[in-house]
Amino acid sequence: MLVRLMILFALSVAMSPKFMSAQRDDRAAIESIEREWLAHESDQATLEQILAPDFAHPVSAGVMLTKQQHIDWAVHHPKPGDSVSRFLTLKIRIYGNVAIANGIVEQTRAGGDASRTIFTDVFVYRDSKWQAVNAQENAIGNPVKTPHS
């Protein structure tokens, strides 16, 4: 009987409007951060806010960039002025104080050239804010057929 009551209590909390609202607020916060990051990916002040002190960014050169190394690289290698970036997909999963964002970004140049990148960003909620602790992306080449496509 006690176990049943505990299960019912847990379900009522999980289904409560306040709990569901907190989930939506966290999702909205992460989505907002992702959009800000994409729009201002070479802006030092924006990156200082988004990236946690212990941020790590493994890159294809086989090295792990720190927060400061990532910011230095981004500031000194801005997107071409004629390019526009947008999310093709953005999915966010929340696990308590950890959030994972997966998506695809398309970058289009004025001449029509486009490139796509698939990414995973990991965020942690601490000190009353969400910050990125890890980011990794890979360029997308030719589409690969999967068994389900």
N, C-alpha and C. Protein backbone atom coordinates (compact mmCIF):
# COMPACT_ATOMS: atom_id res chain seq x y z
N MET A 1 0.81 -1.19 0.00
CA MET A 1 0.00 0.00 0.00
C MET A 1 0.86 1.26 0.00
N LEU A 2 1.91 1.29 0.81
CA LEU A 2 2.79 2.44 0.87
C LEU A 2 3.47 2.66 -0.49
N VAL A 3 3.87 1.59 -1.12
CA VAL A 3 4.51 1.69 -2.43
C VAL A 3 3.54 2.30 -3.44
N ARG A 4 2.30 1.86 -3.40
CA ARG A 4 1.28 2.39 -4.30
C ARG A 4 1.07 3.90 -4.08
N LEU A 5 1.02 4.30 -2.83
CA LEU A 5 0.87 5.71 -2.51
C LEU A 5 2.07 6.52 -3.00
N MET A 6 3.25 5.98 -2.85
CA MET A 6 4.45 6.67 -3.31
C MET A 6 4.44 6.81 -4.84
N ILE A 7 4.01 5.79 -5.53
CA ILE A 7 3.93 5.84 -6.99
C ILE A 7 2.90 6.89 -7.41
N LEU A 8 1.73 6.88 -6.77
CA LEU A 8 0.70 7.86 -7.11
C LEU A 8 1.19 9.29 -6.84
N PHE A 9 1.89 9.47 -5.73
CA PHE A 9 2.42 10.79 -5.42
C PHE A 9 3.43 11.23 -6.48
N ALA A 10 4.33 10.35 -6.84
CA ALA A 10 5.34 10.67 -7.86
C ALA A 10 4.69 11.01 -9.19
N LEU A 11 3.67 10.26 -9.57
CA LEU A 11 2.96 10.54 -10.82
C LEU A 11 2.23 11.88 -10.75
N SER A 12 1.62 12.18 -9.60
CA SER A 12 0.90 13.45 -9.50
C SER A 12 1.86 14.63 -9.57
N VAL A 13 3.04 14.50 -9.00
CA VAL A 13 4.03 15.57 -9.08
C VAL A 13 4.51 15.71 -10.53
N ALA A 14 4.82 14.60 -11.17
CA ALA A 14 5.33 14.63 -12.54
C ALA A 14 4.30 15.20 -13.52
N MET A 15 3.03 15.01 -13.24
CA MET A 15 1.98 15.49 -14.14
C MET A 15 1.42 16.85 -13.72
N SER A 16 1.93 17.40 -12.64
CA SER A 16 1.41 18.68 -12.17
C SER A 16 1.77 19.80 -13.14
N PRO A 17 0.90 20.81 -13.24
CA PRO A 17 1.18 21.93 -14.14
C PRO A 17 2.50 22.62 -13.83
N LYS A 18 2.85 22.74 -12.55
CA LYS A 18 4.09 23.41 -12.17
C LYS A 18 5.29 22.64 -12.69
N PHE A 19 5.30 21.31 -12.54
CA PHE A 19 6.40 20.48 -13.03
C PHE A 19 6.48 20.57 -14.54
N MET A 20 5.34 20.45 -15.22
CA MET A 20 5.31 20.51 -16.68
C MET A 20 5.77 21.88 -17.15
N SER A 21 5.38 22.94 -16.45
CA SER A 21 5.78 24.29 -16.80
C SER A 21 7.29 24.44 -16.67
N ALA A 22 7.87 23.88 -15.61
CA ALA A 22 9.32 23.96 -15.43
C ALA A 22 10.03 23.27 -16.58
N GLN A 23 9.52 22.14 -17.03
CA GLN A 23 10.10 21.45 -18.18
C GLN A 23 10.04 22.35 -19.41
N ARG A 24 8.90 22.98 -19.66
CA ARG A 24 8.75 23.85 -20.82
C ARG A 24 9.68 25.06 -20.71
N ASP A 25 9.80 25.63 -19.52
CA ASP A 25 10.67 26.79 -19.33
C ASP A 25 12.12 26.42 -19.61
N ASP A 26 12.57 25.25 -19.15
CA ASP A 26 13.93 24.80 -19.39
C ASP A 26 14.16 24.59 -20.88
N ARG A 27 13.21 23.96 -21.55
CA ARG A 27 13.32 23.75 -22.99
C ARG A 27 13.42 25.08 -23.73
N ALA A 28 12.56 26.02 -23.35
CA ALA A 28 12.56 27.35 -23.97
C ALA A 28 13.89 28.05 -23.71
N ALA A 29 14.42 27.90 -22.50
CA ALA A 29 15.70 28.54 -22.17
C ALA A 29 16.83 27.98 -23.02
N ILE A 30 16.88 26.67 -23.15
CA ILE A 30 17.93 26.04 -23.97
C ILE A 30 17.77 26.44 -25.43
N GLU A 31 16.55 26.44 -25.93
CA GLU A 31 16.32 26.84 -27.32
C GLU A 31 16.76 28.28 -27.53
N SER A 32 16.46 29.15 -26.59
CA SER A 32 16.86 30.55 -26.68
C SER A 32 18.39 30.68 -26.70
N ILE A 33 19.05 29.93 -25.84
CA ILE A 33 20.52 29.95 -25.81
C ILE A 33 21.08 29.47 -27.14
N GLU A 34 20.53 28.38 -27.67
CA GLU A 34 21.01 27.85 -28.95
C GLU A 34 20.85 28.89 -30.07
N ARG A 35 19.71 29.55 -30.10
CA ARG A 35 19.47 30.57 -31.14
C ARG A 35 20.42 31.76 -30.98
N GLU A 36 20.65 32.16 -29.74
CA GLU A 36 21.59 33.25 -29.46
C GLU A 36 23.00 32.86 -29.89
N TRP A 37 23.39 31.63 -29.58
CA TRP A 37 24.72 31.12 -29.92
C TRP A 37 24.89 31.12 -31.45
N LEU A 38 23.89 30.64 -32.16
CA LEU A 38 23.97 30.58 -33.62
C LEU A 38 24.03 31.99 -34.22
N ALA A 39 23.27 32.90 -33.68
CA ALA A 39 23.23 34.27 -34.22
C ALA A 39 24.49 35.06 -33.91
N HIS A 40 25.16 34.72 -32.81
CA HIS A 40 26.32 35.51 -32.36
C HIS A 40 27.51 34.61 -32.05
N GLU A 41 27.77 33.64 -32.92
CA GLU A 41 28.79 32.63 -32.64
C GLU A 41 30.22 33.16 -32.63
N SER A 42 30.43 34.38 -33.08
CA SER A 42 31.78 34.98 -33.06
C SER A 42 31.88 36.16 -32.10
N ASP A 43 30.85 36.36 -31.30
CA ASP A 43 30.81 37.48 -30.38
C ASP A 43 31.34 37.06 -29.00
N GLN A 44 32.43 37.67 -28.59
CA GLN A 44 33.08 37.27 -27.34
C GLN A 44 32.16 37.39 -26.14
N ALA A 45 31.44 38.49 -26.00
CA ALA A 45 30.57 38.69 -24.83
C ALA A 45 29.47 37.63 -24.78
N THR A 46 28.89 37.31 -25.92
CA THR A 46 27.85 36.28 -25.97
C THR A 46 28.41 34.93 -25.55
N LEU A 47 29.58 34.59 -26.09
CA LEU A 47 30.19 33.30 -25.76
C LEU A 47 30.59 33.22 -24.30
N GLU A 48 31.06 34.32 -23.73
CA GLU A 48 31.42 34.34 -22.30
C GLU A 48 30.22 33.96 -21.44
N GLN A 49 29.02 34.40 -21.84
CA GLN A 49 27.81 34.10 -21.08
C GLN A 49 27.33 32.66 -21.30
N ILE A 50 27.40 32.19 -22.53
CA ILE A 50 26.84 30.88 -22.88
C ILE A 50 27.72 29.73 -22.39
N LEU A 51 29.03 29.88 -22.50
CA LEU A 51 29.95 28.78 -22.19
C LEU A 51 30.33 28.77 -20.71
N ALA A 52 30.25 27.59 -20.11
CA ALA A 52 30.63 27.42 -18.71
C ALA A 52 32.16 27.48 -18.58
N PRO A 53 32.66 27.79 -17.38
CA PRO A 53 34.11 27.84 -17.19
C PRO A 53 34.81 26.54 -17.58
N ASP A 54 34.15 25.40 -17.38
CA ASP A 54 34.75 24.10 -17.69
C ASP A 54 34.34 23.57 -19.06
N PHE A 55 33.90 24.46 -19.96
CA PHE A 55 33.49 24.09 -21.30
C PHE A 55 34.61 23.35 -22.04
N ALA A 56 34.22 22.32 -22.80
CA ALA A 56 35.16 21.56 -23.62
C ALA A 56 34.57 21.39 -25.01
N HIS A 57 35.43 21.53 -26.02
CA HIS A 57 34.99 21.40 -27.40
C HIS A 57 35.98 20.53 -28.16
N PRO A 58 35.69 19.22 -28.27
CA PRO A 58 36.56 18.37 -29.07
C PRO A 58 36.38 18.71 -30.56
N VAL A 59 37.49 18.89 -31.26
CA VAL A 59 37.43 19.25 -32.68
C VAL A 59 38.17 18.22 -33.53
N SER A 60 37.90 18.27 -34.84
CA SER A 60 38.41 17.25 -35.75
C SER A 60 39.93 17.21 -35.85
N ALA A 61 40.61 18.24 -35.39
CA ALA A 61 42.08 18.24 -35.40
C ALA A 61 42.63 17.31 -34.32
N GLY A 62 41.73 16.75 -33.51
CA GLY A 62 42.17 15.82 -32.47
C GLY A 62 42.58 16.50 -31.19
N VAL A 63 42.08 17.70 -30.97
CA VAL A 63 42.38 18.42 -29.73
C VAL A 63 41.08 18.81 -29.04
N MET A 64 41.19 19.11 -27.78
CA MET A 64 40.05 19.53 -26.97
C MET A 64 40.23 21.00 -26.63
N LEU A 65 39.37 21.85 -27.19
CA LEU A 65 39.47 23.28 -26.91
C LEU A 65 38.83 23.60 -25.56
N THR A 66 39.46 24.49 -24.83
CA THR A 66 38.88 25.01 -23.59
C THR A 66 37.92 26.14 -23.96
N LYS A 67 37.26 26.68 -22.96
CA LYS A 67 36.37 27.82 -23.20
C LYS A 67 37.13 28.96 -23.87
N GLN A 68 38.27 29.33 -23.29
CA GLN A 68 39.01 30.47 -23.84
C GLN A 68 39.54 30.18 -25.24
N GLN A 69 40.02 28.98 -25.47
CA GLN A 69 40.49 28.62 -26.82
C GLN A 69 39.36 28.67 -27.83
N HIS A 70 38.18 28.18 -27.43
CA HIS A 70 37.03 28.23 -28.33
C HIS A 70 36.66 29.68 -28.65
N ILE A 71 36.60 30.51 -27.63
CA ILE A 71 36.25 31.92 -27.85
C ILE A 71 37.28 32.60 -28.75
N ASP A 72 38.57 32.39 -28.46
CA ASP A 72 39.62 33.00 -29.28
C ASP A 72 39.49 32.58 -30.74
N TRP A 73 39.26 31.29 -30.97
CA TRP A 73 39.13 30.81 -32.35
C TRP A 73 37.90 31.42 -33.01
N ALA A 74 36.77 31.41 -32.32
CA ALA A 74 35.52 31.91 -32.90
C ALA A 74 35.61 33.40 -33.23
N VAL A 75 36.21 34.19 -32.35
CA VAL A 75 36.32 35.63 -32.56
C VAL A 75 37.23 35.93 -33.76
N HIS A 76 38.28 35.15 -33.92
CA HIS A 76 39.24 35.39 -35.00
C HIS A 76 38.87 34.69 -36.32
N HIS A 77 37.81 33.90 -36.32
CA HIS A 77 37.36 33.21 -37.54
C HIS A 77 35.85 33.35 -37.69
N PRO A 78 35.36 34.59 -37.85
CA PRO A 78 33.91 34.79 -37.97
C PRO A 78 33.39 34.21 -39.28
N LYS A 79 32.07 33.97 -39.31
CA LYS A 79 31.41 33.52 -40.54
C LYS A 79 31.60 34.59 -41.61
N PRO A 80 31.63 34.17 -42.87
CA PRO A 80 31.65 35.18 -43.94
C PRO A 80 30.42 36.08 -43.82
N GLY A 81 30.58 37.35 -44.15
CA GLY A 81 29.49 38.32 -44.01
C GLY A 81 28.27 38.03 -44.86
N ASP A 82 28.45 37.25 -45.93
CA ASP A 82 27.32 36.95 -46.82
C ASP A 82 26.63 35.63 -46.48
N SER A 83 26.90 35.08 -45.31
CA SER A 83 26.31 33.78 -44.96
C SER A 83 25.17 33.93 -43.96
N VAL A 84 24.22 33.03 -44.07
CA VAL A 84 23.08 32.98 -43.16
C VAL A 84 23.00 31.57 -42.61
N SER A 85 22.89 31.45 -41.30
CA SER A 85 22.78 30.14 -40.65
C SER A 85 21.38 29.97 -40.07
N ARG A 86 20.88 28.74 -40.17
CA ARG A 86 19.56 28.45 -39.59
C ARG A 86 19.53 27.00 -39.15
N PHE A 87 18.67 26.73 -38.17
CA PHE A 87 18.47 25.36 -37.71
C PHE A 87 17.55 24.64 -38.68
N LEU A 88 17.96 23.48 -39.15
CA LEU A 88 17.05 22.60 -39.88
C LEU A 88 16.30 21.74 -38.88
N THR A 89 16.99 21.32 -37.83
CA THR A 89 16.36 20.60 -36.72
C THR A 89 17.01 21.06 -35.42
N LEU A 90 16.24 21.00 -34.36
CA LEU A 90 16.75 21.28 -33.02
C LEU A 90 15.88 20.50 -32.05
N LYS A 91 16.49 19.52 -31.39
CA LYS A 91 15.77 18.70 -30.40
C LYS A 91 16.48 18.85 -29.07
N ILE A 92 15.68 19.06 -28.03
CA ILE A 92 16.22 19.29 -26.69
C ILE A 92 15.65 18.26 -25.74
N ARG A 93 16.54 17.64 -24.98
CA ARG A 93 16.13 16.70 -23.94
C ARG A 93 16.67 17.20 -22.60
N ILE A 94 15.81 17.15 -21.59
CA ILE A 94 16.16 17.64 -20.26
C ILE A 94 16.22 16.44 -19.31
N TYR A 95 17.32 16.36 -18.55
CA TYR A 95 17.49 15.32 -17.53
C TYR A 95 17.89 16.00 -16.23
N GLY A 96 16.90 16.53 -15.53
CA GLY A 96 17.19 17.24 -14.28
C GLY A 96 17.96 18.52 -14.57
N ASN A 97 19.20 18.59 -14.08
CA ASN A 97 19.99 19.80 -14.30
C ASN A 97 20.94 19.67 -15.50
N VAL A 98 20.68 18.68 -16.36
CA VAL A 98 21.47 18.48 -17.58
C VAL A 98 20.52 18.53 -18.78
N ALA A 99 20.94 19.21 -19.83
CA ALA A 99 20.16 19.27 -21.06
C ALA A 99 21.06 18.93 -22.23
N ILE A 100 20.51 18.21 -23.19
CA ILE A 100 21.25 17.85 -24.40
C ILE A 100 20.47 18.40 -25.59
N ALA A 101 21.17 19.15 -26.43
CA ALA A 101 20.57 19.69 -27.65
C ALA A 101 21.25 19.03 -28.84
N ASN A 102 20.45 18.47 -29.73
CA ASN A 102 20.95 17.87 -30.97
C ASN A 102 20.28 18.59 -32.12
N GLY A 103 21.01 18.80 -33.18
CA GLY A 103 20.39 19.45 -34.32
C GLY A 103 21.26 19.47 -35.54
N ILE A 104 20.70 20.09 -36.56
CA ILE A 104 21.41 20.30 -37.82
C ILE A 104 21.30 21.78 -38.16
N VAL A 105 22.44 22.37 -38.49
CA VAL A 105 22.50 23.77 -38.90
C VAL A 105 22.89 23.81 -40.37
N GLU A 106 22.18 24.66 -41.11
CA GLU A 106 22.52 24.89 -42.51
C GLU A 106 23.05 26.30 -42.64
N GLN A 107 24.20 26.43 -43.29
CA GLN A 107 24.80 27.74 -43.55
C GLN A 107 24.78 27.96 -45.05
N THR A 108 24.15 29.05 -45.48
CA THR A 108 24.02 29.35 -46.90
C THR A 108 24.75 30.65 -47.21
N ARG A 109 25.51 30.64 -48.30
CA ARG A 109 26.22 31.84 -48.76
C ARG A 109 25.40 32.52 -49.85
N ALA A 110 25.70 33.78 -50.11
CA ALA A 110 24.94 34.56 -51.09
C ALA A 110 24.91 33.91 -52.46
N GLY A 111 25.97 33.23 -52.86
CA GLY A 111 26.02 32.57 -54.17
C GLY A 111 25.19 31.31 -54.23
N GLY A 112 24.59 30.92 -53.11
CA GLY A 112 23.76 29.72 -53.08
C GLY A 112 24.45 28.50 -52.51
N ASP A 113 25.76 28.59 -52.26
CA ASP A 113 26.46 27.45 -51.66
C ASP A 113 25.95 27.23 -50.24
N ALA A 114 25.71 25.97 -49.91
CA ALA A 114 25.21 25.65 -48.58
C ALA A 114 26.02 24.50 -47.99
N SER A 115 26.18 24.54 -46.69
CA SER A 115 26.81 23.44 -45.97
C SER A 115 25.95 23.14 -44.75
N ARG A 116 26.01 21.89 -44.29
CA ARG A 116 25.23 21.50 -43.12
C ARG A 116 26.15 20.86 -42.09
N THR A 117 25.81 21.08 -40.85
CA THR A 117 26.55 20.53 -39.72
C THR A 117 25.57 19.90 -38.75
N ILE A 118 25.94 18.72 -38.24
CA ILE A 118 25.13 18.07 -37.20
C ILE A 118 25.88 18.26 -35.88
N PHE A 119 25.14 18.56 -34.82
CA PHE A 119 25.82 18.90 -33.56
C PHE A 119 25.14 18.29 -32.35
N THR A 120 25.90 18.25 -31.27
CA THR A 120 25.40 17.92 -29.93
C THR A 120 26.00 18.93 -28.98
N ASP A 121 25.15 19.60 -28.22
CA ASP A 121 25.58 20.52 -27.17
C ASP A 121 25.03 20.01 -25.84
N VAL A 122 25.85 20.07 -24.81
CA VAL A 122 25.44 19.63 -23.48
C VAL A 122 25.47 20.84 -22.56
N PHE A 123 24.37 21.03 -21.83
CA PHE A 123 24.22 22.15 -20.91
C PHE A 123 24.03 21.64 -19.49
N VAL A 124 24.48 22.43 -18.52
CA VAL A 124 24.26 22.12 -17.10
C VAL A 124 23.64 23.36 -16.46
N TYR A 125 22.65 23.12 -15.60
CA TYR A 125 22.02 24.20 -14.85
C TYR A 125 22.71 24.29 -13.50
N ARG A 126 23.40 25.41 -13.28
CA ARG A 126 24.05 25.67 -11.99
C ARG A 126 24.20 27.16 -11.82
N ASP A 127 24.27 27.59 -10.59
CA ASP A 127 24.33 29.02 -10.29
C ASP A 127 23.17 29.77 -10.94
N SER A 128 21.99 29.14 -10.95
CA SER A 128 20.74 29.73 -11.44
C SER A 128 20.73 30.04 -12.94
N LYS A 129 21.53 29.31 -13.71
CA LYS A 129 21.51 29.53 -15.16
C LYS A 129 22.00 28.28 -15.90
N TRP A 130 21.57 28.18 -17.15
CA TRP A 130 22.03 27.12 -18.05
C TRP A 130 23.28 27.61 -18.77
N GLN A 131 24.31 26.75 -18.83
CA GLN A 131 25.51 27.05 -19.60
C GLN A 131 25.98 25.80 -20.31
N ALA A 132 26.60 26.00 -21.47
CA ALA A 132 27.14 24.88 -22.24
C ALA A 132 28.43 24.39 -21.61
N VAL A 133 28.51 23.07 -21.41
CA VAL A 133 29.74 22.46 -20.89
C VAL A 133 30.47 21.65 -21.95
N ASN A 134 29.78 21.37 -23.06
CA ASN A 134 30.39 20.58 -24.12
C ASN A 134 29.69 20.88 -25.43
N ALA A 135 30.45 20.91 -26.51
CA ALA A 135 29.88 21.08 -27.85
C ALA A 135 30.70 20.25 -28.82
N GLN A 136 30.00 19.64 -29.75
CA GLN A 136 30.70 18.91 -30.80
C GLN A 136 29.85 18.93 -32.05
N GLU A 137 30.50 19.11 -33.18
CA GLU A 137 29.78 19.13 -34.44
C GLU A 137 30.59 18.41 -35.51
N ASN A 138 29.86 17.94 -36.51
CA ASN A 138 30.47 17.27 -37.65
C ASN A 138 29.82 17.77 -38.92
N ALA A 139 30.66 18.03 -39.93
CA ALA A 139 30.12 18.42 -41.23
C ALA A 139 29.35 17.25 -41.81
N ILE A 140 28.26 17.57 -42.48
CA ILE A 140 27.45 16.54 -43.14
C ILE A 140 27.84 16.51 -44.60
N GLY A 141 28.26 15.35 -45.06
CA GLY A 141 28.56 15.17 -46.47
C GLY A 141 27.32 14.72 -47.19
N ASN A 142 27.47 13.75 -48.04
CA ASN A 142 26.32 13.19 -48.74
C ASN A 142 25.43 12.44 -47.76
N PRO A 143 24.12 12.54 -47.93
CA PRO A 143 23.21 11.82 -47.02
C PRO A 143 23.47 10.32 -47.05
N VAL A 144 23.37 9.70 -45.90
CA VAL A 144 23.56 8.26 -45.78
C VAL A 144 22.20 7.63 -45.58
N LYS A 145 21.92 6.58 -46.34
CA LYS A 145 20.65 5.88 -46.15
C LYS A 145 20.74 5.02 -44.90
N THR A 146 19.72 5.12 -44.08
CA THR A 146 19.64 4.29 -42.89
C THR A 146 18.59 3.20 -43.15
N PRO A 147 18.60 2.15 -42.36
CA PRO A 147 17.63 1.08 -42.59
C PRO A 147 16.18 1.55 -42.53
N HIS A 148 15.92 2.69 -41.84
CA HIS A 148 14.56 3.17 -41.68
C HIS A 148 14.20 4.28 -42.65
N SER A 149 15.11 4.67 -43.53
CA SER A 149 14.77 5.78 -44.44
C SER A 149 14.43 5.29 -45.83
